[in-house]
C-alpha atoms as a PDB file:
ATOM      1  CA  MET A   1      -0.094  -0.022   0.086  1.00  0.00           C
ATOM      2  CA  SER A   2       2.751   2.541   0.631  1.00  0.00           C
ATOM      3  CA  ASN A   3       4.229   1.803  -2.854  1.00  0.00           C
ATOM      4  CA  VAL A   4       0.864   3.073  -4.264  1.00  0.00           C
ATOM      5  CA  ILE A   5       0.927   6.123  -2.097  1.00  0.00           C
ATOM      6  CA  GLY A   6       4.538   6.956  -2.813  1.00  0.00           C
ATOM      7  CA  ILE A   7       3.736   6.894  -6.827  1.00  0.00           C
ATOM      8  CA  ILE A   8       0.535   8.985  -6.252  1.00  0.00           C
ATOM      9  CA  VAL A   9       2.810  11.490  -4.079  1.00  0.00           C
ATOM     10  CA  GLY A  10       5.298  11.550  -6.975  1.00  0.00           C
ATOM     11  CA  VAL A  11       2.732  12.028  -9.643  1.00  0.00           C
ATOM     12  CA  VAL A  12       1.194  14.936  -7.834  1.00  0.00           C
ATOM     13  CA  VAL A  13       4.445  16.699  -7.008  1.00  0.00           C
ATOM     14  CA  THR A  14       5.629  16.077 -10.482  1.00  0.00           C
ATOM     15  CA  ILE A  15       2.493  17.828 -11.826  1.00  0.00           C
ATOM     16  CA  LEU A  16       2.705  20.543  -9.318  1.00  0.00           C
ATOM     17  CA  GLY A  17       6.175  21.288 -10.200  1.00  0.00           C
ATOM     18  CA  ILE A  18       5.486  21.459 -14.141  1.00  0.00           C
ATOM     19  CA  LEU A  19       2.870  23.729 -13.523  1.00  0.00           C
ATOM     20  CA  LEU A  20       5.041  26.019 -10.976  1.00  0.00           C
ATOM     21  CA  LEU A  21       7.818  25.738 -13.616  1.00  0.00           C
ATOM     22  CA  ILE A  22       5.283  26.991 -16.325  1.00  0.00           C
ATOM     23  CA  CYS A  23       3.779  29.806 -14.123  1.00  0.00           C
ATOM     24  CA  TRP A  24       7.265  31.221 -12.775  1.00  0.00           C
ATOM     25  CA  TRP A  25       9.366  30.702 -15.979  1.00  0.00           C
ATOM     26  CA  PRO A  26      10.929  34.108 -15.953  1.00  0.00           C
ATOM     27  CA  MET A  27      12.123  33.650 -12.639  1.00  0.00           C
ATOM     28  CA  PHE A  28      13.451  30.215 -13.079  1.00  0.00           C
ATOM     29  CA  ALA A  29      15.481  31.458 -16.181  1.00  0.00           C
ATOM     30  CA  ALA A  30      16.980  34.238 -14.520  1.00  0.00           C
ATOM     31  CA  VAL A  31      17.951  31.983 -11.386  1.00  0.00           C
ATOM     32  CA  PHE A  32      19.163  29.061 -13.691  1.00  0.00           C
ATOM     33  CA  LYS A  33      21.268  31.843 -15.884  1.00  0.00           C
ATOM     34  CA  GLY A  34      23.045  32.679 -12.353  1.00  0.00           C
ATOM     35  CA  ILE A  35      23.459  29.211 -11.302  1.00  0.00           C
ATOM     36  CA  PHE A  36      24.590  27.562 -14.639  1.00  0.00           C
ATOM     37  CA  PRO A  37      28.317  28.900 -14.570  1.00  0.00           C
ATOM     38  CA  ILE A  38      28.718  27.730 -10.988  1.00  0.00           C
ATOM     39  CA  LEU A  39      27.475  24.305 -11.949  1.00  0.00           C
ATOM     40  CA  LEU A  40      29.868  24.230 -14.765  1.00  0.00           C
ATOM     41  CA  ILE A  41      32.911  24.837 -12.630  1.00  0.00           C
ATOM     42  CA  LEU A  42      31.962  22.386  -9.731  1.00  0.00           C
ATOM     43  CA  ILE A  43      31.216  19.735 -12.596  1.00  0.00           C
ATOM     44  CA  GLY A  44      34.498  20.474 -14.297  1.00  0.00           C
ATOM     45  CA  LEU A  45      36.639  20.374 -11.197  1.00  0.00           C
ATOM     46  CA  GLY A  46      35.141  16.990 -10.093  1.00  0.00           C
ATOM     47  CA  VAL A  47      35.967  15.492 -13.603  1.00  0.00           C
ATOM     48  CA  LEU A  48      39.429  17.106 -13.024  1.00  0.00           C
ATOM     49  CA  ILE A  49      39.748  15.479  -9.767  1.00  0.00           C
ATOM     50  CA  TYR A  50      38.331  12.037 -10.722  1.00  0.00           C
ATOM     51  CA  TYR A  51      40.497  11.596 -13.514  1.00  0.00           C
ATOM     52  CA  ILE A  52      43.753  13.158 -11.895  1.00  0.00           C
ATOM     53  CA  SER A  53      43.049  10.491  -9.176  1.00  0.00           C
ATOM     54  CA  GLU A  54      42.678   7.804 -11.845  1.00  0.00           C
ATOM     55  CA  ILE A  55      46.293   8.561 -13.451  1.00  0.00           C
ATOM     56  CA  LYS A  56      47.540   8.509 -10.132  1.00  0.00           C
ATOM     57  CA  SER A  57      46.319   5.094  -9.261  1.00  0.00           C
ATOM     58  CA  LYS A  58      47.484   3.668 -12.440  1.00  0.00           C
ATOM     59  CA  LEU A  59      50.905   5.177 -11.886  1.00  0.00           C
ATOM     60  CA  ASP A  60      50.972   3.669  -8.394  1.00  0.00           C
ATOM     61  CA  LEU A  61      49.530   0.240 -10.027  1.00  0.00           C
ATOM     62  CA  LYS A  62      52.592   0.351 -12.630  1.00  0.00           C
ATOM     63  CA  LYS A  63      55.013   0.991  -9.613  1.00  0.00           C
ATOM     64  CA  GLU A  64      53.810  -1.994  -7.817  1.00  0.00           C
ATOM     65  CA  ASP A  65      53.957  -4.229 -10.958  1.00  0.00           C
ATOM     66  CA  SER A  66      57.376  -3.409 -12.137  1.00  0.00           C
ATOM     67  CA  PRO A  67      60.160  -5.687 -10.113  1.00  0.00           C
ATOM     68  CA  ALA A  68      61.940  -3.996  -7.466  1.00  0.00           C
ATOM     69  CA  GLU A  69      65.621  -3.073  -8.329  1.00  0.00           C
ATOM     70  CA  THR A  70      68.335  -4.753  -6.276  1.00  0.00           C
ATOM     71  CA  LYS A  71      71.640  -3.709  -5.783  1.00  0.00           C
END
């Protein structure tokens, strides 16, 4: 029964969100214009951090796989 209530609430909230988005479109567009550059910066930094850590981990794996030099 709780799944049915969750689906009904989800549909009602989605419809309400669409209606409010249509009514408040100019304000939404203004806020989105202000937030969009910040989102791009944060997403770009996140991607950079992820791939730099991937490169570092691959380099660490290569160091571990190579035989140790003995003198």
